[in-house]
N, C-alpha and C. Protein backbone atom coordinates (compact mmCIF):
# COMPACT_ATOMS: atom_id res chain seq x y z
N MET A 1 2.65 66.54 -9.84
CA MET A 1 3.38 66.07 -10.63
C MET A 1 2.73 67.69 -11.62
N ASN A 2 3.52 68.38 -12.73
CA ASN A 2 3.17 69.27 -13.06
C ASN A 2 2.29 68.67 -14.58
N ILE A 3 1.67 69.08 -15.51
CA ILE A 3 1.57 68.78 -17.12
C ILE A 3 2.61 68.65 -17.63
N GLU A 4 3.75 69.08 -17.96
CA GLU A 4 5.23 68.73 -18.86
C GLU A 4 5.01 67.38 -17.66
N ASP A 5 5.77 67.03 -16.71
CA ASP A 5 5.73 65.20 -16.05
C ASP A 5 4.74 64.47 -16.48
N LYS A 6 3.65 64.74 -16.35
CA LYS A 6 2.55 63.98 -16.60
C LYS A 6 2.47 63.67 -18.33
N ARG A 7 3.05 64.92 -19.19
CA ARG A 7 3.20 64.13 -20.83
C ARG A 7 4.34 62.96 -20.93
N TRP A 8 5.77 63.24 -20.12
CA TRP A 8 6.68 62.39 -20.14
C TRP A 8 6.36 61.10 -19.16
N GLU A 9 5.93 60.91 -18.41
CA GLU A 9 4.93 59.79 -17.74
C GLU A 9 4.34 59.01 -18.63
N GLN A 10 3.45 59.99 -19.59
CA GLN A 10 2.03 59.04 -20.70
C GLN A 10 3.21 58.73 -21.94
N LEU A 11 4.37 59.61 -21.90
CA LEU A 11 5.33 59.34 -23.51
C LEU A 11 6.33 57.94 -22.64
N ALA A 12 6.34 57.52 -21.44
CA ALA A 12 6.90 56.73 -20.97
C ALA A 12 5.93 55.57 -21.21
N GLU A 13 5.17 55.72 -20.76
CA GLU A 13 3.44 54.04 -20.93
C GLU A 13 3.82 54.02 -21.80
N GLN A 14 3.67 54.85 -23.07
CA GLN A 14 3.48 54.36 -24.47
C GLN A 14 4.73 54.23 -25.04
N GLN A 15 6.35 54.14 -24.92
CA GLN A 15 7.12 53.71 -24.80
C GLN A 15 7.29 52.27 -24.95
N LYS A 16 6.49 51.59 -23.53
CA LYS A 16 6.90 49.66 -23.25
C LYS A 16 6.18 49.40 -24.14
N PHE A 17 5.03 50.29 -24.87
CA PHE A 17 4.13 49.21 -25.61
C PHE A 17 5.05 48.97 -26.97
N GLY A 18 5.92 49.95 -27.51
CA GLY A 18 6.50 49.83 -28.67
C GLY A 18 7.60 49.23 -29.01
N GLN A 19 8.36 48.83 -27.62
CA GLN A 19 9.61 48.38 -27.60
C GLN A 19 10.06 47.22 -28.00
N LEU A 20 8.59 46.44 -28.30
CA LEU A 20 9.04 45.37 -29.08
C LEU A 20 9.27 45.20 -30.73
N ASP A 21 9.14 46.23 -31.44
CA ASP A 21 8.95 46.26 -32.21
C ASP A 21 10.34 47.40 -32.56
N GLY A 22 10.50 48.50 -31.92
CA GLY A 22 11.88 48.77 -31.97
C GLY A 22 12.94 48.17 -31.89
N ALA A 23 12.96 46.86 -31.28
CA ALA A 23 13.40 45.73 -30.96
C ALA A 23 13.66 45.26 -32.47
N ARG A 24 12.46 44.72 -32.90
CA ARG A 24 12.34 43.89 -33.92
C ARG A 24 13.08 44.74 -35.48
N ARG A 25 13.11 46.48 -35.10
CA ARG A 25 13.58 47.41 -36.42
C ARG A 25 14.60 47.24 -36.15
N GLN A 26 15.17 46.95 -34.90
CA GLN A 26 16.87 47.70 -34.90
C GLN A 26 17.32 46.35 -35.45
N ALA A 27 16.58 44.86 -35.45
CA ALA A 27 17.60 43.68 -35.30
C ALA A 27 17.06 43.20 -37.01
N GLU A 28 16.26 43.95 -37.33
CA GLU A 28 15.93 43.82 -39.37
C GLU A 28 17.24 44.66 -40.03
N GLY A 29 17.56 45.84 -39.15
CA GLY A 29 18.54 46.77 -39.40
C GLY A 29 19.83 45.87 -39.24
N TRP A 30 20.27 45.59 -38.61
CA TRP A 30 21.47 44.68 -38.67
C TRP A 30 21.75 43.02 -39.55
N ARG A 31 20.16 42.71 -39.35
CA ARG A 31 20.15 41.25 -40.87
C ARG A 31 20.90 41.38 -41.83
N THR A 32 19.93 43.06 -42.03
CA THR A 32 20.32 43.64 -43.43
C THR A 32 21.40 43.73 -44.12
N GLY A 33 21.93 44.39 -43.36
CA GLY A 33 23.63 44.84 -43.26
C GLY A 33 24.45 43.26 -42.99
N LEU A 34 24.30 42.37 -41.91
CA LEU A 34 25.05 41.37 -41.92
C LEU A 34 25.10 40.32 -43.36
N THR A 35 23.77 40.28 -44.04
CA THR A 35 23.89 39.34 -45.05
C THR A 35 24.27 40.03 -46.22
N GLY A 36 24.27 41.64 -46.44
CA GLY A 36 24.99 42.29 -47.36
C GLY A 36 26.19 41.83 -47.65
N LEU A 37 26.98 42.14 -46.17
CA LEU A 37 28.24 42.56 -46.08
C LEU A 37 29.03 41.11 -46.29
N THR A 38 27.58 39.88 -46.11
CA THR A 38 28.53 38.64 -46.18
C THR A 38 28.49 37.92 -47.96
N ALA A 39 27.10 38.58 -48.36
CA ALA A 39 27.00 38.12 -49.59
C ALA A 39 28.44 39.31 -50.45
N LEU A 40 28.47 40.20 -50.05
CA LEU A 40 30.14 41.21 -51.19
C LEU A 40 30.81 40.19 -50.40
N LEU A 41 31.18 39.69 -49.81
CA LEU A 41 32.91 39.51 -49.61
C LEU A 41 32.98 38.21 -49.80
N ALA A 42 31.74 37.39 -49.70
CA ALA A 42 31.49 35.92 -50.80
C ALA A 42 32.36 35.91 -52.31
N VAL A 43 31.05 37.15 -53.05
CA VAL A 43 31.39 37.81 -54.03
C VAL A 43 33.19 38.02 -54.45
N ALA A 44 33.60 38.57 -53.66
CA ALA A 44 34.70 39.40 -54.01
C ALA A 44 35.93 38.33 -53.67
N THR A 45 35.61 37.24 -52.95
CA THR A 45 36.85 36.37 -52.54
C THR A 45 36.71 35.15 -53.55
N ILE A 46 35.24 34.98 -53.84
CA ILE A 46 35.55 33.49 -54.89
C ILE A 46 35.76 34.67 -56.65
N ILE A 47 35.52 35.92 -56.88
CA ILE A 47 35.92 36.23 -57.75
C ILE A 47 37.58 36.48 -57.98
N LYS A 48 38.00 37.12 -56.97
CA LYS A 48 39.44 37.47 -56.83
C LYS A 48 40.93 36.10 -55.62
N GLY A 49 39.51 35.36 -55.33
CA GLY A 49 40.20 34.89 -54.17
C GLY A 49 41.17 33.41 -54.53
N PRO A 50 41.08 32.52 -55.33
CA PRO A 50 41.99 31.39 -56.48
C PRO A 50 42.86 32.02 -57.03
N ASP A 51 42.96 32.99 -57.84
CA ASP A 51 44.37 33.70 -58.32
C ASP A 51 45.49 33.48 -56.88
N ASN A 52 44.99 34.74 -55.85
CA ASN A 52 46.00 34.84 -55.29
C ASN A 52 46.38 33.13 -54.01
N VAL A 53 45.69 32.93 -53.34
CA VAL A 53 45.85 31.49 -52.77
C VAL A 53 46.50 30.45 -53.01
N ALA A 54 45.87 30.37 -55.11
CA ALA A 54 46.36 29.07 -55.25
C ALA A 54 48.01 29.37 -55.47
N ASP A 55 49.20 30.25 -55.57
CA ASP A 55 49.79 30.81 -55.51
C ASP A 55 51.09 30.51 -53.85
N LEU A 56 50.15 30.64 -53.00
CA LEU A 56 50.86 30.46 -51.34
C LEU A 56 51.41 29.31 -51.36
N THR A 57 52.60 29.06 -50.22
CA THR A 57 52.65 27.73 -50.10
C THR A 57 51.66 26.87 -49.35
N PRO A 58 51.57 25.95 -49.56
CA PRO A 58 50.60 24.89 -49.16
C PRO A 58 50.45 25.06 -47.10
N ASP A 59 51.62 25.35 -46.29
CA ASP A 59 50.40 25.93 -44.91
C ASP A 59 49.75 27.09 -44.48
N THR A 60 50.57 27.61 -45.48
CA THR A 60 50.50 29.68 -45.87
C THR A 60 48.77 29.88 -46.29
N ARG A 61 48.09 28.58 -47.21
CA ARG A 61 46.67 28.20 -47.67
C ARG A 61 45.96 27.64 -47.06
N LEU A 62 46.68 26.84 -45.79
CA LEU A 62 45.84 26.21 -45.15
C LEU A 62 45.41 27.35 -43.62
N VAL A 63 46.36 28.21 -43.72
CA VAL A 63 45.97 29.20 -42.25
C VAL A 63 44.72 29.96 -43.21
N VAL A 64 45.25 30.70 -44.44
CA VAL A 64 44.25 31.26 -45.07
C VAL A 64 42.99 30.98 -45.43
N LEU A 65 42.72 29.82 -45.84
CA LEU A 65 41.65 29.04 -45.90
C LEU A 65 41.24 29.03 -44.79
N GLY A 66 41.11 28.50 -43.72
CA GLY A 66 40.58 28.36 -42.32
C GLY A 66 39.80 29.69 -41.41
N ALA A 67 40.86 31.11 -42.02
CA ALA A 67 41.14 32.20 -41.63
C ALA A 67 39.48 32.78 -42.10
N LEU A 68 39.63 32.76 -43.61
CA LEU A 68 38.32 32.60 -44.50
C LEU A 68 37.48 31.92 -44.22
N GLY A 69 36.80 30.28 -43.93
CA GLY A 69 35.97 29.67 -43.11
C GLY A 69 35.68 30.57 -41.96
N VAL A 70 36.32 31.08 -40.97
CA VAL A 70 36.12 30.81 -39.57
C VAL A 70 35.02 32.70 -40.36
N GLY A 71 35.47 33.60 -40.84
CA GLY A 71 34.91 34.53 -40.85
C GLY A 71 33.77 34.70 -41.61
N PHE A 72 34.05 33.42 -42.52
CA PHE A 72 31.92 33.25 -43.21
C PHE A 72 31.17 32.32 -42.46
N ALA A 73 32.07 32.20 -41.43
CA ALA A 73 31.17 31.06 -40.32
C ALA A 73 30.72 32.56 -39.65
N ALA A 74 31.21 32.70 -39.03
CA ALA A 74 30.93 34.03 -37.96
C ALA A 74 29.89 34.83 -39.27
N LEU A 75 29.62 35.58 -40.38
CA LEU A 75 29.07 36.36 -40.71
C LEU A 75 27.83 35.61 -40.67
N VAL A 76 27.74 34.59 -41.62
CA VAL A 76 26.23 33.93 -41.88
C VAL A 76 26.36 32.97 -40.15
N ALA A 77 26.38 33.16 -39.08
CA ALA A 77 26.03 32.36 -37.95
C ALA A 77 25.14 34.06 -37.79
N GLY A 78 25.88 35.17 -37.55
CA GLY A 78 25.52 36.74 -37.00
C GLY A 78 24.56 37.16 -37.70
N SER A 79 24.08 36.85 -39.46
CA SER A 79 22.89 36.76 -40.18
C SER A 79 21.74 36.42 -39.68
N LEU A 80 21.95 34.74 -39.60
CA LEU A 80 21.12 33.10 -38.74
C LEU A 80 20.74 34.24 -38.02
N ILE A 81 21.38 34.64 -36.39
CA ILE A 81 20.69 35.19 -35.13
C ILE A 81 19.85 36.62 -35.51
N ALA A 82 20.68 37.19 -36.22
CA ALA A 82 19.83 38.42 -37.01
C ALA A 82 18.21 37.96 -36.94
N VAL A 83 18.51 37.13 -38.22
CA VAL A 83 17.12 36.74 -38.90
C VAL A 83 15.91 36.66 -37.96
N ARG A 84 16.36 35.67 -36.73
CA ARG A 84 15.86 35.16 -35.74
C ARG A 84 15.03 36.33 -34.52
N ALA A 85 15.79 37.28 -34.29
CA ALA A 85 15.51 38.45 -33.51
C ALA A 85 14.71 38.94 -34.22
N ALA A 86 14.62 39.64 -35.42
CA ALA A 86 13.98 40.31 -36.51
C ALA A 86 12.76 39.40 -36.49
N SER A 87 12.53 38.40 -36.68
CA SER A 87 11.94 37.84 -37.53
C SER A 87 10.58 36.84 -36.28
N GLY A 88 11.41 36.34 -34.96
CA GLY A 88 10.79 35.61 -34.33
C GLY A 88 11.20 34.75 -34.45
N THR A 89 10.23 33.54 -33.05
CA THR A 89 10.88 32.27 -33.70
C THR A 89 9.48 31.39 -33.76
N PRO A 90 9.55 30.74 -35.05
CA PRO A 90 8.21 30.31 -35.45
C PRO A 90 7.47 29.04 -34.39
N GLY A 91 6.09 29.79 -34.37
CA GLY A 91 5.14 28.96 -33.42
C GLY A 91 5.13 29.20 -32.48
N GLU A 92 5.67 30.50 -32.04
CA GLU A 92 5.58 31.64 -30.86
C GLU A 92 4.21 31.73 -30.54
N ASP A 93 3.12 31.65 -29.22
CA ASP A 93 2.02 31.65 -28.84
C ASP A 93 1.47 32.67 -28.96
N THR A 94 0.40 33.82 -29.43
CA THR A 94 0.37 35.17 -29.77
C THR A 94 -0.84 34.75 -28.74
N TRP A 95 -1.41 33.70 -28.71
CA TRP A 95 -2.96 34.28 -27.88
C TRP A 95 -3.00 34.11 -26.33
N LEU A 96 -2.12 35.18 -25.83
CA LEU A 96 -1.89 35.61 -24.63
C LEU A 96 -2.39 36.01 -23.36
N THR A 97 -2.82 36.00 -22.14
CA THR A 97 -3.42 36.74 -21.41
C THR A 97 -2.28 38.12 -21.65
N GLY A 98 -3.04 39.36 -20.13
CA GLY A 98 -2.54 40.42 -20.34
C GLY A 98 -0.77 40.05 -20.21
N LYS A 99 -1.08 39.48 -18.96
CA LYS A 99 0.44 39.54 -17.80
C LYS A 99 1.46 38.60 -18.58
N ALA A 100 0.62 37.20 -19.16
CA ALA A 100 1.60 36.28 -19.61
C ALA A 100 2.31 37.68 -20.91
N LEU A 101 1.59 37.80 -21.73
CA LEU A 101 1.91 39.18 -22.70
C LEU A 101 3.04 39.91 -22.11
N ARG A 102 2.69 40.71 -21.38
CA ARG A 102 3.75 41.24 -21.10
C ARG A 102 5.13 41.18 -20.41
N THR A 103 4.99 39.58 -19.72
CA THR A 103 6.55 39.31 -19.82
C THR A 103 6.85 37.95 -20.80
N TRP A 104 6.26 38.24 -21.92
CA TRP A 104 6.72 37.38 -22.89
C TRP A 104 7.19 38.84 -23.97
N THR A 105 6.78 39.97 -23.81
CA THR A 105 7.50 40.54 -24.54
C THR A 105 8.99 41.61 -24.19
N ARG A 106 8.54 41.26 -22.22
CA ARG A 106 9.91 42.26 -21.36
C ARG A 106 11.22 41.07 -22.27
N ASN A 107 10.79 39.83 -22.03
CA ASN A 107 11.38 38.67 -22.34
C ASN A 107 12.31 38.80 -23.93
N GLU A 108 11.11 38.96 -24.35
CA GLU A 108 11.62 39.03 -25.57
C GLU A 108 12.59 40.00 -26.25
N VAL A 109 12.10 40.82 -25.85
CA VAL A 109 13.36 42.28 -25.94
C VAL A 109 14.81 42.07 -25.49
N ARG A 110 14.45 41.61 -23.89
CA ARG A 110 15.83 41.22 -23.98
C ARG A 110 16.70 39.81 -24.51
N ALA A 111 15.71 39.38 -24.84
CA ALA A 111 16.33 38.00 -26.34
C ALA A 111 17.24 38.77 -27.27
N ILE A 112 16.21 39.13 -28.09
CA ILE A 112 16.32 40.67 -29.27
C ILE A 112 17.55 40.93 -29.06
N ARG A 113 17.82 41.89 -27.53
CA ARG A 113 19.01 42.72 -27.35
C ARG A 113 19.88 41.92 -27.36
N ARG A 114 19.89 40.94 -26.52
CA ARG A 114 21.16 40.18 -26.71
C ARG A 114 21.70 39.17 -27.76
N ALA A 115 20.88 38.90 -29.01
CA ALA A 115 20.98 38.51 -30.50
C ALA A 115 21.94 39.60 -31.03
N ILE A 116 21.60 40.89 -30.64
CA ILE A 116 21.84 41.89 -31.62
C ILE A 116 23.20 41.86 -31.10
N ARG A 117 23.86 42.43 -29.87
CA ARG A 117 25.37 41.64 -29.57
C ARG A 117 25.89 41.00 -29.96
N VAL A 118 25.45 39.23 -30.10
CA VAL A 118 26.13 38.24 -30.16
C VAL A 118 26.76 38.54 -31.58
N ALA A 119 25.20 39.62 -32.31
CA ALA A 119 25.48 39.33 -33.91
C ALA A 119 26.77 40.50 -34.32
N ALA A 120 26.57 41.31 -33.51
CA ALA A 120 27.59 42.57 -33.80
C ALA A 120 29.43 42.00 -33.08
N THR A 121 28.90 41.37 -32.16
CA THR A 121 30.45 40.35 -32.13
C THR A 121 30.97 39.17 -33.03
N LEU A 122 30.17 38.80 -33.45
CA LEU A 122 30.10 37.84 -34.73
C LEU A 122 30.68 38.93 -35.68
N LEU A 123 30.18 39.41 -35.86
CA LEU A 123 30.42 40.38 -37.21
C LEU A 123 32.13 40.81 -37.34
N VAL A 124 32.41 41.32 -35.64
CA VAL A 124 33.53 41.89 -35.18
C VAL A 124 34.44 40.80 -35.63
N ILE A 125 34.04 39.64 -35.58
CA ILE A 125 35.09 38.35 -35.51
C ILE A 125 35.46 37.73 -37.24
N GLY A 126 33.98 37.64 -37.57
CA GLY A 126 34.12 37.45 -39.50
C GLY A 126 34.96 38.57 -39.82
N LEU A 127 34.93 40.02 -39.66
CA LEU A 127 35.72 40.83 -40.48
C LEU A 127 37.13 40.57 -39.98
N ALA A 128 37.28 40.35 -38.81
CA ALA A 128 38.74 40.31 -38.51
C ALA A 128 39.49 39.25 -39.11
N ALA A 129 38.83 38.51 -38.99
CA ALA A 129 39.24 36.78 -39.66
C ALA A 129 39.49 37.04 -41.28
N ILE A 130 38.40 37.65 -41.69
CA ILE A 130 38.76 37.93 -43.35
C ILE A 130 39.85 38.56 -43.35
N ALA A 131 39.97 39.83 -42.80
CA ALA A 131 40.74 41.04 -43.19
C ALA A 131 42.37 39.87 -42.87
N PHE A 132 42.26 39.62 -41.63
CA PHE A 132 43.62 38.77 -41.06
C PHE A 132 44.43 37.96 -42.66
N SER A 133 42.73 36.82 -43.02
CA SER A 133 43.02 36.04 -44.60
C SER A 133 43.71 37.02 -45.78
N ILE A 134 43.39 38.19 -45.77
CA ILE A 134 43.44 38.85 -46.98
C ILE A 134 45.00 39.56 -46.73
N GLY A 135 44.86 40.29 -45.54
CA GLY A 135 46.81 40.62 -45.32
C GLY A 135 47.23 39.61 -45.42
N LEU A 136 47.10 38.43 -44.79
CA LEU A 136 48.25 37.26 -44.90
C LEU A 136 48.59 36.90 -46.46
N THR A 137 47.34 36.74 -47.35
CA THR A 137 47.47 36.78 -48.89
C THR A 137 48.49 37.35 -49.06
N TRP A 138 48.34 38.88 -48.80
CA TRP A 138 49.55 39.91 -49.51
C TRP A 138 50.56 40.20 -48.89
N LEU A 139 50.68 40.46 -47.47
CA LEU A 139 51.48 39.64 -47.23
C LEU A 139 52.76 38.72 -47.48
N ALA A 140 51.70 37.13 -47.36
CA ALA A 140 52.64 36.09 -47.62
C ALA A 140 53.58 35.92 -49.11
N GLY A 141 52.44 36.71 -50.16
CA GLY A 141 53.33 36.71 -51.57
C GLY A 141 53.04 35.17 -52.35
N PRO A 142 53.23 35.00 -53.34
CA PRO A 142 53.51 33.86 -53.51
C PRO A 142 54.46 33.22 -53.38
N ALA A 143 54.32 32.40 -53.71
CA ALA A 143 55.11 30.58 -53.30
C ALA A 143 56.39 30.98 -54.15
N VAL A 144 56.14 30.82 -55.93
CA VAL A 144 57.04 31.01 -56.89
C VAL A 144 57.04 32.79 -57.24
N ASN A 145 57.25 33.55 -56.97
CA ASN A 145 56.74 35.02 -57.66
C ASN A 145 57.96 34.95 -58.69
N LYS A 146 59.08 34.58 -59.14
CA LYS A 146 59.75 35.04 -60.22
C LYS A 146 60.17 33.64 -60.75
N PRO A 147 60.25 33.91 -62.26
CA PRO A 147 60.29 32.79 -63.22
C PRO A 147 61.01 31.87 -62.72
N GLY A 148 61.23 30.20 -62.71
CA GLY A 148 62.33 29.69 -62.53
C GLY A 148 62.70 29.06 -63.41
N PHE A 149 64.37 28.85 -63.25
CA PHE A 149 64.71 27.60 -64.82
C PHE A 149 65.29 26.12 -64.10
N LYS A 150 65.17 25.70 -65.26
CA LYS A 150 65.71 24.40 -64.83
C LYS A 150 66.70 24.47 -65.53
N VAL A 151 67.96 23.98 -64.87
CA VAL A 151 69.49 24.03 -65.86
C VAL A 151 70.20 22.56 -64.74
N VAL A 152 70.33 22.41 -67.01
CA VAL A 152 70.74 20.93 -66.99
C VAL A 152 72.47 21.02 -66.89
N THR A 153 73.28 20.79 -66.54
CA THR A 153 74.74 20.87 -66.45
C THR A 153 75.06 19.34 -66.90
N THR A 154 76.34 19.33 -67.79
CA THR A 154 77.09 17.43 -67.83
C THR A 154 76.72 16.48 -66.65
N ASP A 155 76.80 16.93 -65.10
CA ASP A 155 76.93 16.72 -63.68
C ASP A 155 75.47 16.61 -63.32
N THR A 156 75.05 17.38 -63.85
CA THR A 156 73.90 16.91 -62.40
C THR A 156 72.58 18.47 -63.35
N GLN A 157 71.80 18.65 -62.25
CA GLN A 157 70.33 18.93 -62.73
C GLN A 157 69.65 20.01 -61.64
N VAL A 158 69.68 21.72 -62.09
CA VAL A 158 69.02 22.77 -60.81
C VAL A 158 68.43 23.20 -61.31
N CYS A 159 67.33 23.44 -60.40
CA CYS A 159 66.12 24.15 -60.66
C CYS A 159 65.94 25.27 -59.88
N GLY A 160 65.94 26.24 -60.10
CA GLY A 160 65.82 27.57 -59.47
C GLY A 160 65.27 29.10 -59.77
N GLU A 161 65.21 29.95 -59.11
CA GLU A 161 64.51 31.32 -59.16
C GLU A 161 66.20 31.36 -59.69
N LEU A 162 66.36 32.14 -61.23
CA LEU A 162 67.12 33.04 -60.91
C LEU A 162 67.82 34.32 -60.77
N LEU A 163 68.90 34.32 -60.24
CA LEU A 163 69.27 36.01 -59.25
C LEU A 163 70.34 36.72 -60.47
N ALA A 164 71.04 35.61 -60.93
CA ALA A 164 72.42 36.92 -61.86
C ALA A 164 72.69 35.89 -62.92
N LEU A 165 72.75 36.86 -64.23
CA LEU A 165 73.43 35.82 -64.77
C LEU A 165 74.89 36.77 -65.70
N ASP A 166 75.61 36.19 -65.67
CA ASP A 166 77.11 36.94 -66.51
C ASP A 166 77.81 36.68 -67.66
N ARG A 167 79.11 36.65 -68.18
CA ARG A 167 79.90 36.18 -69.21
C ARG A 167 79.96 34.52 -69.15
N THR A 168 80.16 34.75 -67.68
CA THR A 168 80.66 32.87 -67.65
C THR A 168 79.94 32.26 -66.41
N SER A 169 79.20 32.60 -65.95
CA SER A 169 78.08 32.16 -65.25
C SER A 169 76.68 32.58 -64.74
N VAL A 170 76.22 30.59 -64.31
CA VAL A 170 74.47 31.88 -63.71
C VAL A 170 74.32 31.48 -62.14
N THR A 171 73.33 32.37 -62.05
CA THR A 171 73.44 32.12 -60.18
C THR A 171 71.98 31.67 -59.87
N LEU A 172 71.42 31.00 -59.55
CA LEU A 172 69.98 30.60 -59.43
C LEU A 172 69.56 30.29 -57.85
N ASP A 173 68.71 30.58 -57.38
CA ASP A 173 68.24 30.46 -55.98
C ASP A 173 66.86 29.09 -55.80
N VAL A 174 67.58 28.51 -55.63
CA VAL A 174 66.94 26.71 -55.29
C VAL A 174 66.08 26.68 -54.08
N ASP A 175 66.30 27.30 -52.99
CA ASP A 175 64.96 27.58 -51.95
C ASP A 175 65.22 29.18 -51.53
N PRO A 176 63.88 29.53 -51.91
CA PRO A 176 63.65 31.77 -51.46
C PRO A 176 63.71 31.95 -50.17
N THR A 177 63.91 30.46 -49.22
CA THR A 177 63.37 30.88 -47.88
C THR A 177 64.82 30.91 -47.59
N SER A 178 65.98 30.29 -47.97
CA SER A 178 67.33 30.42 -47.31
C SER A 178 68.06 30.92 -48.04
N ARG A 179 69.28 31.81 -48.00
CA ARG A 179 70.57 32.49 -48.17
C ARG A 179 71.70 31.54 -48.68
N GLN A 180 71.54 30.43 -47.99
CA GLN A 180 72.32 29.76 -47.95
C GLN A 180 72.44 28.83 -49.48
N GLN A 181 71.20 28.87 -50.19
CA GLN A 181 70.82 27.74 -50.68
C GLN A 181 71.02 28.11 -52.55
N ARG A 182 72.02 29.14 -52.85
CA ARG A 182 72.06 29.41 -53.76
C ARG A 182 73.45 28.65 -54.58
N VAL A 183 73.27 28.65 -55.67
CA VAL A 183 74.45 28.10 -56.75
C VAL A 183 74.51 28.33 -57.86
N VAL A 184 75.95 28.71 -57.74
CA VAL A 184 76.74 29.31 -59.27
C VAL A 184 77.05 28.05 -60.25
N VAL A 185 76.33 27.94 -61.27
CA VAL A 185 77.00 27.41 -62.10
C VAL A 185 77.46 27.72 -63.76
N ARG A 186 78.42 27.45 -64.02
CA ARG A 186 79.60 27.71 -64.96
C ARG A 186 78.51 27.62 -66.17
N LEU A 187 78.82 28.87 -67.09
CA LEU A 187 77.95 28.75 -68.33
C LEU A 187 78.73 27.32 -69.22
N ASP A 188 80.29 27.42 -69.50
CA ASP A 188 80.75 26.42 -70.58
C ASP A 188 79.95 24.94 -69.71
N GLY A 189 79.33 24.51 -68.40
CA GLY A 189 78.90 23.27 -69.02
C GLY A 189 77.65 22.48 -68.38
N ILE A 190 77.21 24.18 -68.78
CA ILE A 190 75.43 23.89 -69.33
C ILE A 190 75.26 23.55 -70.54
N LEU A 191 74.38 22.73 -70.28
CA LEU A 191 73.87 22.24 -71.71
C LEU A 191 71.97 22.05 -72.18
N SER A 192 71.45 22.57 -71.36
CA SER A 192 70.70 23.65 -71.37
C SER A 192 70.34 24.54 -70.34
N MET A 193 68.87 25.24 -70.49
CA MET A 193 68.73 26.28 -69.86
C MET A 193 66.63 26.29 -69.89
N THR A 194 65.74 26.08 -69.18
CA THR A 194 64.88 26.19 -69.61
C THR A 194 63.80 26.68 -68.78
N PRO A 195 62.92 27.80 -68.42
CA PRO A 195 62.52 28.63 -68.03
C PRO A 195 61.26 27.22 -67.47
N GLN A 196 61.09 27.14 -66.34
CA GLN A 196 59.92 26.41 -65.84
C GLN A 196 59.65 26.78 -63.88
N ARG A 197 58.36 26.40 -63.33
CA ARG A 197 58.45 26.75 -62.41
C ARG A 197 59.37 26.01 -61.27
N CYS A 198 59.56 26.14 -60.28
CA CYS A 198 60.56 24.79 -59.68
C CYS A 198 59.90 24.38 -58.10
């Protein structure tokens, strides 16, 4: 074995003694990133979220809120796992024999690496759930997007989205999800027409 090989062997031996510190530093980076991302997304959701979610249909609102809940739960769980990996478990016995310390260090490094993988998986799940809820909010659109009108005639009352208005009639869409739910009301039969959400 030449001098260069011996030097690499010495470095490899030294690496064994520093692997716990390296694993803890890596976990600290994940902890900081996950905590910051969770806080940023929470603030953005609190500030912007209620405006968009309140206008959705009840079923869509439940799906969006469920996805947000899953996303934030995953991010918080990932942050807590990363905190445990970076800080260790309270009350760990540090007064150990050399052999026990070596075994504990190996086990702890494995546990930290496993925790980082779990935290990374929870990060992906959390971001995917939040992205899904944001995309659903954008794509689903509000339940009632355009102004509605309540039309009172001599025979009935109709409330819906104004589609058309001409010299003889008003066309209302009383159910935006179905094209068959359009109502044409003659102008000469209208007693009142007031803007209102339907």
